[in-house]
């Protein structure tokens, strides 16, 4: 079945161009397959109330070759007094020991340099 590689809309046989974005349709079997993300494959390693802290640690982990993912529960639609945000940082379960030791080393280095820790 023909599929638009941009929109991912499916079309009936015989249509070759996507009417929405003008891309050439490809067979659905030719589209790249993405790995299924399952909750059981990921482990929570860090929580904070500031998104920038989770972003910094995520960048550090990825620079060390450790894949990570942020889940933010910040509501940007309605500003409210106080900060009730919970930001969670996850890594693959098999990377958890390396990630935790990496974060601990980063915290030690930051304290050594007189900087605020991540917490």
PDB file of N, CA and C in Angstrom:
ATOM      1  N   UNK A   1       0.841  -1.169   0.000  1.00  0.00           N
ATOM      2  CA  UNK A   1       0.000   0.000   0.000  1.00  0.00           C
ATOM      3  C   UNK A   1       0.891   1.240   0.000  1.00  0.00           C
ATOM      4  N   UNK A   2       0.620   2.210  -0.889  1.00  0.00           N
ATOM      5  CA  UNK A   2       1.435   3.429  -0.948  1.00  0.00           C
ATOM      6  C   UNK A   2       1.251   4.302   0.292  1.00  0.00           C
ATOM      7  N   UNK A   3       2.371   4.848   0.756  1.00  0.00           N
ATOM      8  CA  UNK A   3       2.380   5.696   1.953  1.00  0.00           C
ATOM      9  C   UNK A   3       3.240   6.918   1.671  1.00  0.00           C
ATOM     10  N   UNK A   4       2.823   8.066   2.203  1.00  0.00           N
ATOM     11  CA  UNK A   4       3.646   9.271   2.086  1.00  0.00           C
ATOM     12  C   UNK A   4       4.758   9.193   3.131  1.00  0.00           C
ATOM     13  N   UNK A   5       6.025   9.347   2.715  1.00  0.00           N
ATOM     14  CA  UNK A   5       7.126   9.270   3.678  1.00  0.00           C
ATOM     15  C   UNK A   5       7.174  10.466   4.634  1.00  0.00           C
ATOM     16  N   UNK A   6       6.513  11.564   4.274  1.00  0.00           N
ATOM     17  CA  UNK A   6       6.480  12.746   5.142  1.00  0.00           C
ATOM     18  C   UNK A   6       5.284  12.732   6.084  1.00  0.00           C
ATOM     19  N   UNK A   7       4.088  12.583   5.526  1.00  0.00           N
ATOM     20  CA  UNK A   7       2.840  12.660   6.295  1.00  0.00           C
ATOM     21  C   UNK A   7       2.467  11.334   6.947  1.00  0.00           C
ATOM     22  N   UNK A   8       2.955  10.246   6.362  1.00  0.00           N
ATOM     23  CA  UNK A   8       2.638   8.879   6.775  1.00  0.00           C
ATOM     24  C   UNK A   8       1.170   8.508   6.537  1.00  0.00           C
ATOM     25  N   UNK A   9       0.507   9.221   5.626  1.00  0.00           N
ATOM     26  CA  UNK A   9      -0.862   8.873   5.232  1.00  0.00           C
ATOM     27  C   UNK A   9      -0.801   7.739   4.210  1.00  0.00           C
ATOM     28  N   UNK A  10      -1.771   6.844   4.293  1.00  0.00           N
ATOM     29  CA  UNK A  10      -1.849   5.746   3.337  1.00  0.00           C
ATOM     30  C   UNK A  10      -2.830   6.107   2.231  1.00  0.00           C
ATOM     31  N   UNK A  11      -2.539   5.633   1.022  1.00  0.00           N
ATOM     32  CA  UNK A  11      -3.384   5.920  -0.133  1.00  0.00           C
ATOM     33  C   UNK A  11      -3.703   4.619  -0.858  1.00  0.00           C
ATOM     34  N   UNK A  12      -4.724   4.683  -1.684  1.00  0.00           N
ATOM     35  CA  UNK A  12      -5.104   3.500  -2.462  1.00  0.00           C
ATOM     36  C   UNK A  12      -4.104   3.305  -3.593  1.00  0.00           C
ATOM     37  N   UNK A  13      -4.046   2.090  -4.094  1.00  0.00           N
ATOM     38  CA  UNK A  13      -3.137   1.777  -5.196  1.00  0.00           C
ATOM     39  C   UNK A  13      -3.448   2.683  -6.395  1.00  0.00           C
ATOM     40  N   UNK A  14      -2.417   3.095  -7.087  1.00  0.00           N
ATOM     41  CA  UNK A  14      -2.582   3.926  -8.271  1.00  0.00           C
ATOM     42  C   UNK A  14      -2.210   5.378  -8.024  1.00  0.00           C
ATOM     43  N   UNK A  15      -2.297   5.850  -6.784  1.00  0.00           N
ATOM     44  CA  UNK A  15      -1.882   7.224  -6.453  1.00  0.00           C
ATOM     45  C   UNK A  15      -0.379   7.194  -6.202  1.00  0.00           C
ATOM     46  N   UNK A  16       0.343   8.134  -6.822  1.00  0.00           N
ATOM     47  CA  UNK A  16       1.802   8.122  -6.715  1.00  0.00           C
ATOM     48  C   UNK A  16       2.367   9.359  -6.018  1.00  0.00           C
ATOM     49  N   UNK A  17       1.558  10.418  -5.916  1.00  0.00           N
ATOM     50  CA  UNK A  17       2.017  11.669  -5.299  1.00  0.00           C
ATOM     51  C   UNK A  17       1.081  12.012  -4.140  1.00  0.00           C
ATOM     52  N   UNK A  18       1.654  12.438  -3.017  1.00  0.00           N
ATOM     53  CA  UNK A  18       0.854  12.851  -1.864  1.00  0.00           C
ATOM     54  C   UNK A  18       0.171  14.174  -2.181  1.00  0.00           C
ATOM     55  N   UNK A  19      -1.154  14.256  -2.084  1.00  0.00           N
ATOM     56  CA  UNK A  19      -1.843  15.506  -2.389  1.00  0.00           C
ATOM     57  C   UNK A  19      -1.613  16.586  -1.335  1.00  0.00           C
ATOM     58  N   UNK A  20      -1.135  16.210  -0.159  1.00  0.00           N
ATOM     59  CA  UNK A  20      -0.919  17.197   0.898  1.00  0.00           C
ATOM     60  C   UNK A  20       0.450  17.870   0.812  1.00  0.00           C
ATOM     61  N   UNK A  21       1.506  17.069   0.534  1.00  0.00           N
ATOM     62  CA  UNK A  21       2.852  17.655   0.547  1.00  0.00           C
ATOM     63  C   UNK A  21       3.620  17.446  -0.754  1.00  0.00           C
ATOM     64  N   UNK A  22       3.002  16.814  -1.740  1.00  0.00           N
ATOM     65  CA  UNK A  22       3.601  16.587  -3.055  1.00  0.00           C
ATOM     66  C   UNK A  22       4.815  15.659  -3.048  1.00  0.00           C
ATOM     67  N   UNK A  23       4.952  14.845  -1.999  1.00  0.00           N
ATOM     68  CA  UNK A  23       6.050  13.884  -1.963  1.00  0.00           C
ATOM     69  C   UNK A  23       5.678  12.653  -2.779  1.00  0.00           C
ATOM     70  N   UNK A  24       6.685  11.984  -3.312  1.00  0.00           N
ATOM     71  CA  UNK A  24       6.462  10.737  -4.037  1.00  0.00           C
ATOM     72  C   UNK A  24       6.157   9.645  -3.016  1.00  0.00           C
ATOM     73  N   UNK A  25       5.062   8.923  -3.227  1.00  0.00           N
ATOM     74  CA  UNK A  25       4.667   7.875  -2.300  1.00  0.00           C
ATOM     75  C   UNK A  25       5.589   6.673  -2.424  1.00  0.00           C
ATOM     76  N   UNK A  26       5.784   5.976  -1.313  1.00  0.00           N
ATOM     77  CA  UNK A  26       6.607   4.770  -1.290  1.00  0.00           C
ATOM     78  C   UNK A  26       5.761   3.622  -0.758  1.00  0.00           C
ATOM     79  N   UNK A  27       6.232   2.415  -0.955  1.00  0.00           N
ATOM     80  CA  UNK A  27       5.530   1.254  -0.421  1.00  0.00           C
ATOM     81  C   UNK A  27       5.692   1.238   1.098  1.00  0.00           C
ATOM     82  N   UNK A  28       4.660   0.846   1.812  1.00  0.00           N
ATOM     83  CA  UNK A  28       4.703   0.868   3.276  1.00  0.00           C
ATOM     84  C   UNK A  28       5.829  -0.009   3.827  1.00  0.00           C
ATOM     85  N   UNK A  29       6.221  -1.026   3.084  1.00  0.00           N
ATOM     86  CA  UNK A  29       7.303  -1.905   3.522  1.00  0.00           C
ATOM     87  C   UNK A  29       8.675  -1.237   3.402  1.00  0.00           C
ATOM     88  N   UNK A  30       8.761  -0.154   2.604  1.00  0.00           N
ATOM     89  CA  UNK A  30      10.027   0.543   2.422  1.00  0.00           C
ATOM     90  C   UNK A  30      10.293   1.582   3.505  1.00  0.00           C
ATOM     91  N   UNK A  31       9.285   1.884   4.317  1.00  0.00           N
ATOM     92  CA  UNK A  31       9.479   2.860   5.391  1.00  0.00           C
ATOM     93  C   UNK A  31      10.382   2.267   6.468  1.00  0.00           C
ATOM     94  N   UNK A  32      11.229   3.113   7.087  1.00  0.00           N
ATOM     95  CA  UNK A  32      12.095   2.576   8.146  1.00  0.00           C
ATOM     96  C   UNK A  32      11.263   2.134   9.340  1.00  0.00           C
ATOM     97  N   UNK A  33      11.673   1.056   9.950  1.00  0.00           N
ATOM     98  CA  UNK A  33      10.999   0.537  11.139  1.00  0.00           C
ATOM     99  C   UNK A  33      11.675   1.128  12.367  1.00  0.00           C
ATOM    100  N   UNK A  34      10.866   1.673  13.258  1.00  0.00           N
ATOM    101  CA  UNK A  34      11.389   2.259  14.478  1.00  0.00           C
ATOM    102  C   UNK A  34      11.263   1.258  15.618  1.00  0.00           C
ATOM    103  N   UNK A  35      12.236   1.302  16.497  1.00  0.00           N
ATOM    104  CA  UNK A  35      12.233   0.422  17.648  1.00  0.00           C
ATOM    105  C   UNK A  35      11.074   0.801  18.569  1.00  0.00           C
ATOM    106  N   UNK A  36      10.355  -0.189  19.034  1.00  0.00           N
ATOM    107  CA  UNK A  36       9.277   0.066  19.976  1.00  0.00           C
ATOM    108  C   UNK A  36       9.870   0.465  21.317  1.00  0.00           C
ATOM    109  N   UNK A  37       9.366   1.575  21.856  1.00  0.00           N
ATOM    110  CA  UNK A  37       9.791   1.992  23.185  1.00  0.00           C
ATOM    111  C   UNK A  37       8.814   1.406  24.187  1.00  0.00           C
ATOM    112  N   UNK A  38       9.318   0.635  25.077  1.00  0.00           N
ATOM    113  CA  UNK A  38       8.483   0.009  26.083  1.00  0.00           C
ATOM    114  C   UNK A  38       8.929   0.509  27.449  1.00  0.00           C
ATOM    115  N   UNK A  39       7.972   0.782  28.291  1.00  0.00           N
ATOM    116  CA  UNK A  39       8.267   1.291  29.624  1.00  0.00           C
ATOM    117  C   UNK A  39       9.190   0.347  30.398  1.00  0.00           C
ATOM    118  N   UNK A  40       9.039  -0.939  30.175  1.00  0.00           N
ATOM    119  CA  UNK A  40       9.841  -1.919  30.919  1.00  0.00           C
ATOM    120  C   UNK A  40      11.320  -1.896  30.534  1.00  0.00           C
ATOM    121  N   UNK A  41      11.668  -1.270  29.415  1.00  0.00           N
ATOM    122  CA  UNK A  41      13.057  -1.207  28.966  1.00  0.00           C
ATOM    123  C   UNK A  41      13.826  -0.021  29.543  1.00  0.00           C
ATOM    124  N   UNK A  42      13.133   0.891  30.224  1.00  0.00           N
ATOM    125  CA  UNK A  42      13.739   2.129  30.706  1.00  0.00           C
ATOM    126  C   UNK A  42      13.701   2.190  32.228  1.00  0.00           C
ATOM    127  N   UNK A  43      14.706   2.835  32.821  1.00  0.00           N
ATOM    128  CA  UNK A  43      14.784   2.975  34.269  1.00  0.00           C
ATOM    129  C   UNK A  43      14.919   4.455  34.625  1.00  0.00           C
ATOM    130  N   UNK A  44      14.208   4.866  35.649  1.00  0.00           N
ATOM    131  CA  UNK A  44      14.272   6.237  36.138  1.00  0.00           C
ATOM    132  C   UNK A  44      15.561   6.414  36.938  1.00  0.00           C
ATOM    133  N   UNK A  45      16.360   7.427  36.555  1.00  0.00           N
ATOM    134  CA  UNK A  45      17.611   7.637  37.284  1.00  0.00           C
ATOM    135  C   UNK A  45      17.707   9.013  37.930  1.00  0.00           C
ATOM    136  N   UNK A  46      16.835   9.944  37.556  1.00  0.00           N
ATOM    137  CA  UNK A  46      16.964  11.292  38.099  1.00  0.00           C
ATOM    138  C   UNK A  46      15.626  12.000  38.009  1.00  0.00           C
ATOM    139  N   UNK A  47      15.257  12.724  39.057  1.00  0.00           N
ATOM    140  CA  UNK A  47      14.075  13.587  39.017  1.00  0.00           C
ATOM    141  C   UNK A  47      14.470  14.962  39.519  1.00  0.00           C
ATOM    142  N   UNK A  48      13.788  15.958  39.003  1.00  0.00           N
ATOM    143  CA  UNK A  48      14.058  17.336  39.384  1.00  0.00           C
ATOM    144  C   UNK A  48      12.801  18.164  39.124  1.00  0.00           C
ATOM    145  N   UNK A  49      12.834  19.403  39.586  1.00  0.00           N
ATOM    146  CA  UNK A  49      11.728  20.299  39.277  1.00  0.00           C
ATOM    147  C   UNK A  49      12.135  21.351  38.244  1.00  0.00           C
ATOM    148  N   UNK A  50      13.364  21.238  37.751  1.00  0.00           N
ATOM    149  CA  UNK A  50      13.876  22.177  36.749  1.00  0.00           C
ATOM    150  C   UNK A  50      14.267  21.423  35.482  1.00  0.00           C
ATOM    151  N   UNK A  51      13.668  21.807  34.366  1.00  0.00           N
ATOM    152  CA  UNK A  51      13.954  21.123  33.100  1.00  0.00           C
ATOM    153  C   UNK A  51      15.405  21.274  32.664  1.00  0.00           C
ATOM    154  N   UNK A  52      16.007  22.414  32.944  1.00  0.00           N
ATOM    155  CA  UNK A  52      17.376  22.622  32.471  1.00  0.00           C
ATOM    156  C   UNK A  52      18.353  21.640  33.118  1.00  0.00           C
ATOM    157  N   UNK A  53      18.073  21.245  34.368  1.00  0.00           N
ATOM    158  CA  UNK A  53      18.954  20.272  35.025  1.00  0.00           C
ATOM    159  C   UNK A  53      18.876  18.916  34.320  1.00  0.00           C
ATOM    160  N   UNK A  54      17.661  18.488  34.013  1.00  0.00           N
ATOM    161  CA  UNK A  54      17.499  17.213  33.296  1.00  0.00           C
ATOM    162  C   UNK A  54      18.138  17.297  31.912  1.00  0.00           C
ATOM    163  N   UNK A  55      17.990  18.443  31.234  1.00  0.00           N
ATOM    164  CA  UNK A  55      18.603  18.625  29.914  1.00  0.00           C
ATOM    165  C   UNK A  55      20.128  18.546  29.991  1.00  0.00           C
ATOM    166  N   UNK A  56      20.703  19.164  31.037  1.00  0.00           N
ATOM    167  CA  UNK A  56      22.164  19.129  31.183  1.00  0.00           C
ATOM    168  C   UNK A  56      22.656  17.704  31.383  1.00  0.00           C
ATOM    169  N   UNK A  57      21.999  16.974  32.280  1.00  0.00           N
ATOM    170  CA  UNK A  57      22.433  15.604  32.543  1.00  0.00           C
ATOM    171  C   UNK A  57      22.230  14.733  31.312  1.00  0.00           C
ATOM    172  N   UNK A  58      21.129  14.943  30.607  1.00  0.00           N
ATOM    173  CA  UNK A  58      20.870  14.191  29.373  1.00  0.00           C
ATOM    174  C   UNK A  58      22.003  14.430  28.368  1.00  0.00           C
ATOM    175  N   UNK A  59      22.412  15.679  28.208  1.00  0.00           N
ATOM    176  CA  UNK A  59      23.504  15.997  27.291  1.00  0.00           C
ATOM    177  C   UNK A  59      24.814  15.334  27.724  1.00  0.00           C
ATOM    178  N   UNK A  60      25.098  15.375  29.034  1.00  0.00           N
ATOM    179  CA  UNK A  60      26.306  14.721  29.534  1.00  0.00           C
ATOM    180  C   UNK A  60      26.270  13.221  29.263  1.00  0.00           C
ATOM    181  N   UNK A  61      25.125  12.597  29.539  1.00  0.00           N
ATOM    182  CA  UNK A  61      25.011  11.155  29.321  1.00  0.00           C
ATOM    183  C   UNK A  61      25.179  10.806  27.846  1.00  0.00           C
ATOM    184  N   UNK A  62      24.539  11.580  26.973  1.00  0.00           N
ATOM    185  CA  UNK A  62      24.645  11.295  25.542  1.00  0.00           C
ATOM    186  C   UNK A  62      26.058  11.517  25.025  1.00  0.00           C
ATOM    187  N   UNK A  63      26.790  12.463  25.637  1.00  0.00           N
ATOM    188  CA  UNK A  63      28.185  12.655  25.229  1.00  0.00           C
ATOM    189  C   UNK A  63      29.042  11.456  25.635  1.00  0.00           C
ATOM    190  N   UNK A  64      28.562  10.693  26.635  1.00  0.00           N
ATOM    191  CA  UNK A  64      29.266   9.479  27.062  1.00  0.00           C
ATOM    192  C   UNK A  64      28.724   8.241  26.349  1.00  0.00           C
ATOM    193  N   UNK A  65      27.811   8.446  25.399  1.00  0.00           N
ATOM    194  CA  UNK A  65      27.275   7.331  24.636  1.00  0.00           C
ATOM    195  C   UNK A  65      26.140   6.595  25.327  1.00  0.00           C
ATOM    196  N   UNK A  66      25.508   7.230  26.318  1.00  0.00           N
ATOM    197  CA  UNK A  66      24.401   6.614  27.043  1.00  0.00           C
ATOM    198  C   UNK A  66      23.103   7.277  26.586  1.00  0.00           C
ATOM    199  N   UNK A  67      22.241   6.486  25.961  1.00  0.00           N
ATOM    200  CA  UNK A  67      20.977   7.010  25.456  1.00  0.00           C
ATOM    201  C   UNK A  67      20.054   7.333  26.627  1.00  0.00           C
ATOM    202  N   UNK A  68      19.391   8.477  26.575  1.00  0.00           N
ATOM    203  CA  UNK A  68      18.490   8.866  27.651  1.00  0.00           C
ATOM    204  C   UNK A  68      17.261   9.565  27.087  1.00  0.00           C
ATOM    205  N   UNK A  69      16.250   9.706  27.946  1.00  0.00           N
ATOM    206  CA  UNK A  69      14.979  10.291  27.521  1.00  0.00           C
ATOM    207  C   UNK A  69      14.406  11.078  28.696  1.00  0.00           C
ATOM    208  N   UNK A  70      13.839  12.250  28.408  1.00  0.00           N
ATOM    209  CA  UNK A  70      13.241  13.103  29.437  1.00  0.00           C
ATOM    210  C   UNK A  70      11.725  13.045  29.319  1.00  0.00           C
ATOM    211  N   UNK A  71      11.072  12.923  30.472  1.00  0.00           N
ATOM    212  CA  UNK A  71       9.628  13.037  30.522  1.00  0.00           C
ATOM    213  C   UNK A  71       9.304  14.194  31.469  1.00  0.00           C
ATOM    214  N   UNK A  72       8.728  15.245  30.917  1.00  0.00           N
ATOM    215  CA  UNK A  72       8.388  16.415  31.712  1.00  0.00           C
ATOM    216  C   UNK A  72       6.882  16.484  31.896  1.00  0.00           C
ATOM    217  N   UNK A  73       6.487  16.774  33.112  1.00  0.00           N
ATOM    218  CA  UNK A  73       5.069  16.923  33.404  1.00  0.00           C
ATOM    219  C   UNK A  73       4.716  18.394  33.623  1.00  0.00           C
ATOM    220  N   UNK A  74       5.528  19.273  33.066  1.00  0.00           N
ATOM    221  CA  UNK A  74       5.288  20.700  33.207  1.00  0.00           C
ATOM    222  C   UNK A  74       4.103  21.107  32.343  1.00  0.00           C
ATOM    223  N   UNK A  75       3.184  21.847  32.934  1.00  0.00           N
ATOM    224  CA  UNK A  75       2.025  22.348  32.208  1.00  0.00           C
ATOM    225  C   UNK A  75       2.334  23.759  31.733  1.00  0.00           C
ATOM    226  N   UNK A  76       2.520  23.909  30.439  1.00  0.00           N
ATOM    227  CA  UNK A  76       2.861  25.217  29.874  1.00  0.00           C
ATOM    228  C   UNK A  76       1.621  26.014  29.478  1.00  0.00           C
ATOM    229  N   UNK A  77       0.467  25.400  29.561  1.00  0.00           N
ATOM    230  CA  UNK A  77      -0.752  26.066  29.128  1.00  0.00           C
ATOM    231  C   UNK A  77      -1.292  27.058  30.146  1.00  0.00           C
ATOM    232  N   UNK A  78      -1.146  26.738  31.414  1.00  0.00           N
ATOM    233  CA  UNK A  78      -1.722  27.567  32.451  1.00  0.00           C
ATOM    234  C   UNK A  78      -0.672  27.886  33.507  1.00  0.00           C
ATOM    235  N   UNK A  79      -0.155  29.116  33.481  1.00  0.00           N
ATOM    236  CA  UNK A  79       0.815  29.480  34.509  1.00  0.00           C
ATOM    237  C   UNK A  79       0.147  29.455  35.890  1.00  0.00           C
ATOM    238  N   UNK A  80       0.859  28.944  36.850  1.00  0.00           N
ATOM    239  CA  UNK A  80       0.316  28.863  38.204  1.00  0.00           C
ATOM    240  C   UNK A  80       1.408  29.260  39.191  1.00  0.00           C
ATOM    241  N   UNK A  81       1.004  29.764  40.332  1.00  0.00           N
ATOM    242  CA  UNK A  81       2.014  30.098  41.341  1.00  0.00           C
ATOM    243  C   UNK A  81       2.666  28.824  41.871  1.00  0.00           C
ATOM    244  N   UNK A  82       3.930  28.920  42.156  1.00  0.00           N
ATOM    245  CA  UNK A  82       4.659  27.748  42.631  1.00  0.00           C
ATOM    246  C   UNK A  82       5.103  26.883  41.475  1.00  0.00           C
ATOM    247  N   UNK A  83       6.021  26.016  41.768  1.00  0.00           N
ATOM    248  CA  UNK A  83       6.528  25.129  40.729  1.00  0.00           C
ATOM    249  C   UNK A  83       6.226  23.698  41.142  1.00  0.00           C
ATOM    250  N   UNK A  84       5.232  23.114  40.501  1.00  0.00           N
ATOM    251  CA  UNK A  84       4.831  21.752  40.808  1.00  0.00           C
ATOM    252  C   UNK A  84       5.311  20.768  39.740  1.00  0.00           C
ATOM    253  N   UNK A  85       6.269  21.202  38.941  1.00  0.00           N
ATOM    254  CA  UNK A  85       6.766  20.401  37.835  1.00  0.00           C
ATOM    255  C   UNK A  85       7.561  19.203  38.332  1.00  0.00           C
ATOM    256  N   UNK A  86       7.359  18.084  37.676  1.00  0.00           N
ATOM    257  CA  UNK A  86       8.199  16.913  37.907  1.00  0.00           C
ATOM    258  C   UNK A  86       8.816  16.552  36.560  1.00  0.00           C
ATOM    259  N   UNK A  87      10.133  16.567  36.512  1.00  0.00           N
ATOM    260  CA  UNK A  87      10.860  16.212  35.297  1.00  0.00           C
ATOM    261  C   UNK A  87      11.659  14.957  35.611  1.00  0.00           C
ATOM    262  N   UNK A  88      11.476  13.932  34.787  1.00  0.00           N
ATOM    263  CA  UNK A  88      12.120  12.640  35.022  1.00  0.00           C
ATOM    264  C   UNK A  88      13.090  12.329  33.884  1.00  0.00           C
ATOM    265  N   UNK A  89      14.222  11.754  34.241  1.00  0.00           N
ATOM    266  CA  UNK A  89      15.220  11.354  33.258  1.00  0.00           C
ATOM    267  C   UNK A  89      15.345   9.835  33.303  1.00  0.00           C
ATOM    268  N   UNK A  90      15.204   9.217  32.148  1.00  0.00           N
ATOM    269  CA  UNK A  90      15.258   7.761  32.030  1.00  0.00           C
ATOM    270  C   UNK A  90      16.439   7.349  31.167  1.00  0.00           C
ATOM    271  N   UNK A  91      16.990   6.181  31.470  1.00  0.00           N
ATOM    272  CA  UNK A  91      17.995   5.543  30.612  1.00  0.00           C
ATOM    273  C   UNK A  91      17.567   4.095  30.402  1.00  0.00           C
ATOM    274  N   UNK A  92      18.148   3.458  29.409  1.00  0.00           N
ATOM    275  CA  UNK A  92      17.866   2.041  29.198  1.00  0.00           C
ATOM    276  C   UNK A  92      18.362   1.260  30.418  1.00  0.00           C
ATOM    277  N   UNK A  93      17.611   0.239  30.786  1.00  0.00           N
ATOM    278  CA  UNK A  93      17.952  -0.524  31.999  1.00  0.00           C
ATOM    279  C   UNK A  93      19.375  -1.064  31.958  1.00  0.00           C
ATOM    280  N   UNK A  94      19.814  -1.500  30.793  1.00  0.00           N
ATOM    281  CA  UNK A  94      21.169  -2.055  30.712  1.00  0.00           C
ATOM    282  C   UNK A  94      22.247  -0.988  30.906  1.00  0.00           C
ATOM    283  N   UNK A  95      21.898   0.289  30.716  1.00  0.00           N
ATOM    284  CA  UNK A  95      22.854   1.386  30.892  1.00  0.00           C
ATOM    285  C   UNK A  95      22.789   2.014  32.284  1.00  0.00           C
ATOM    286  N   UNK A  96      21.872   1.558  33.118  1.00  0.00           N
ATOM    287  CA  UNK A  96      21.639   2.207  34.404  1.00  0.00           C
ATOM    288  C   UNK A  96      22.888   2.272  35.297  1.00  0.00           C
ATOM    289  N   UNK A  97      23.633   1.187  35.503  1.00  0.00           N
ATOM    290  CA  UNK A  97      24.821   1.291  36.371  1.00  0.00           C
ATOM    291  C   UNK A  97      25.841   2.315  35.853  1.00  0.00           C
ATOM    292  N   UNK A  98      26.088   2.303  34.558  1.00  0.00           N
ATOM    293  CA  UNK A  98      27.033   3.265  33.980  1.00  0.00           C
ATOM    294  C   UNK A  98      26.524   4.694  34.127  1.00  0.00           C
ATOM    295  N   UNK A  99      25.236   4.886  33.891  1.00  0.00           N
ATOM    296  CA  UNK A  99      24.652   6.226  33.982  1.00  0.00           C
ATOM    297  C   UNK A  99      24.724   6.763  35.406  1.00  0.00           C
ATOM    298  N   UNK A 100      24.397   5.926  36.384  1.00  0.00           N
ATOM    299  CA  UNK A 100      24.437   6.374  37.778  1.00  0.00           C
ATOM    300  C   UNK A 100      25.856   6.721  38.211  1.00  0.00           C
ATOM    301  N   UNK A 101      26.826   5.901  37.846  1.00  0.00           N
ATOM    302  CA  UNK A 101      28.209   6.218  38.225  1.00  0.00           C
ATOM    303  C   UNK A 101      28.692   7.474  37.504  1.00  0.00           C
ATOM    304  N   UNK A 102      28.261   7.667  36.260  1.00  0.00           N
ATOM    305  CA  UNK A 102      28.628   8.862  35.507  1.00  0.00           C
ATOM    306  C   UNK A 102      28.058  10.111  36.180  1.00  0.00           C
ATOM    307  N   UNK A 103      26.796  10.051  36.606  1.00  0.00           N
ATOM    308  CA  UNK A 103      26.167  11.193  37.272  1.00  0.00           C
ATOM    309  C   UNK A 103      26.858  11.477  38.610  1.00  0.00           C
ATOM    310  N   UNK A 104      27.218  10.435  39.349  1.00  0.00           N
ATOM    311  CA  UNK A 104      27.921  10.632  40.622  1.00  0.00           C
ATOM    312  C   UNK A 104      29.269  11.312  40.406  1.00  0.00           C
ATOM    313  N   UNK A 105      29.989  10.896  39.378  1.00  0.00           N
ATOM    314  CA  UNK A 105      31.277  11.526  39.067  1.00  0.00           C
ATOM    315  C   UNK A 105      31.090  12.992  38.665  1.00  0.00           C
ATOM    316  N   UNK A 106      30.047  13.265  37.898  1.00  0.00           N
ATOM    317  CA  UNK A 106      29.775  14.652  37.525  1.00  0.00           C
ATOM    318  C   UNK A 106      29.494  15.499  38.753  1.00  0.00           C
ATOM    319  N   UNK A 107      28.705  14.964  39.679  1.00  0.00           N
ATOM    320  CA  UNK A 107      28.406  15.689  40.911  1.00  0.00           C
ATOM    321  C   UNK A 107      29.658  15.972  41.718  1.00  0.00           C
ATOM    322  N   UNK A 108      30.555  14.991  41.808  1.00  0.00           N
ATOM    323  CA  UNK A 108      31.811  15.192  42.537  1.00  0.00           C
ATOM    324  C   UNK A 108      32.660  16.275  41.875  1.00  0.00           C
ATOM    325  N   UNK A 109      32.740  16.237  40.543  1.00  0.00           N
ATOM    326  CA  UNK A 109      33.517  17.247  39.818  1.00  0.00           C
ATOM    327  C   UNK A 109      32.939  18.641  40.020  1.00  0.00           C
ATOM    328  N   UNK A 110      31.605  18.750  40.008  1.00  0.00           N
ATOM    329  CA  UNK A 110      30.968  20.052  40.193  1.00  0.00           C
ATOM    330  C   UNK A 110      31.234  20.582  41.600  1.00  0.00           C
ATOM    331  N   UNK A 111      31.188  19.715  42.610  1.00  0.00           N
ATOM    332  CA  UNK A 111      31.463  20.145  43.978  1.00  0.00           C
ATOM    333  C   UNK A 111      32.914  20.557  44.139  1.00  0.00           C
ATOM    334  N   UNK A 112      33.811  19.825  43.490  1.00  0.00           N
ATOM    335  CA  UNK A 112      35.240  20.144  43.535  1.00  0.00           C
ATOM    336  C   UNK A 112      35.512  21.534  42.980  1.00  0.00           C
ATOM    337  N   UNK A 113      34.768  21.886  41.923  1.00  0.00           N
ATOM    338  CA  UNK A 113      34.948  23.183  41.263  1.00  0.00           C
ATOM    339  C   UNK A 113      34.131  24.287  41.920  1.00  0.00           C
ATOM    340  N   UNK A 114      33.432  23.958  43.013  1.00  0.00           N
ATOM    341  CA  UNK A 114      32.650  24.969  43.723  1.00  0.00           C
ATOM    342  C   UNK A 114      31.340  25.320  43.051  1.00  0.00           C
ATOM    343  N   UNK A 115      30.875  24.489  42.160  1.00  0.00           N
ATOM    344  CA  UNK A 115      29.608  24.742  41.465  1.00  0.00           C
ATOM    345  C   UNK A 115      28.468  24.060  42.208  1.00  0.00           C
ATOM    346  N   UNK A 116      27.258  24.492  41.940  1.00  0.00           N
ATOM    347  CA  UNK A 116      26.087  23.835  42.512  1.00  0.00           C
ATOM    348  C   UNK A 116      25.954  22.445  41.921  1.00  0.00           C
ATOM    349  N   UNK A 117      25.502  21.514  42.756  1.00  0.00           N
ATOM    350  CA  UNK A 117      25.275  20.163  42.244  1.00  0.00           C
ATOM    351  C   UNK A 117      23.960  20.137  41.475  1.00  0.00           C
ATOM    352  N   UNK A 118      23.635  18.995  40.924  1.00  0.00           N
ATOM    353  CA  UNK A 118      22.422  18.865  40.127  1.00  0.00           C
ATOM    354  C   UNK A 118      21.164  18.824  40.977  1.00  0.00           C
ATOM    355  N   UNK A 119      21.300  18.540  42.239  1.00  0.00           N
ATOM    356  CA  UNK A 119      20.111  18.352  43.077  1.00  0.00           C
ATOM    357  C   UNK A 119      19.506  19.649  43.522  1.00  0.00           C
TER     358      UNK A 119
END
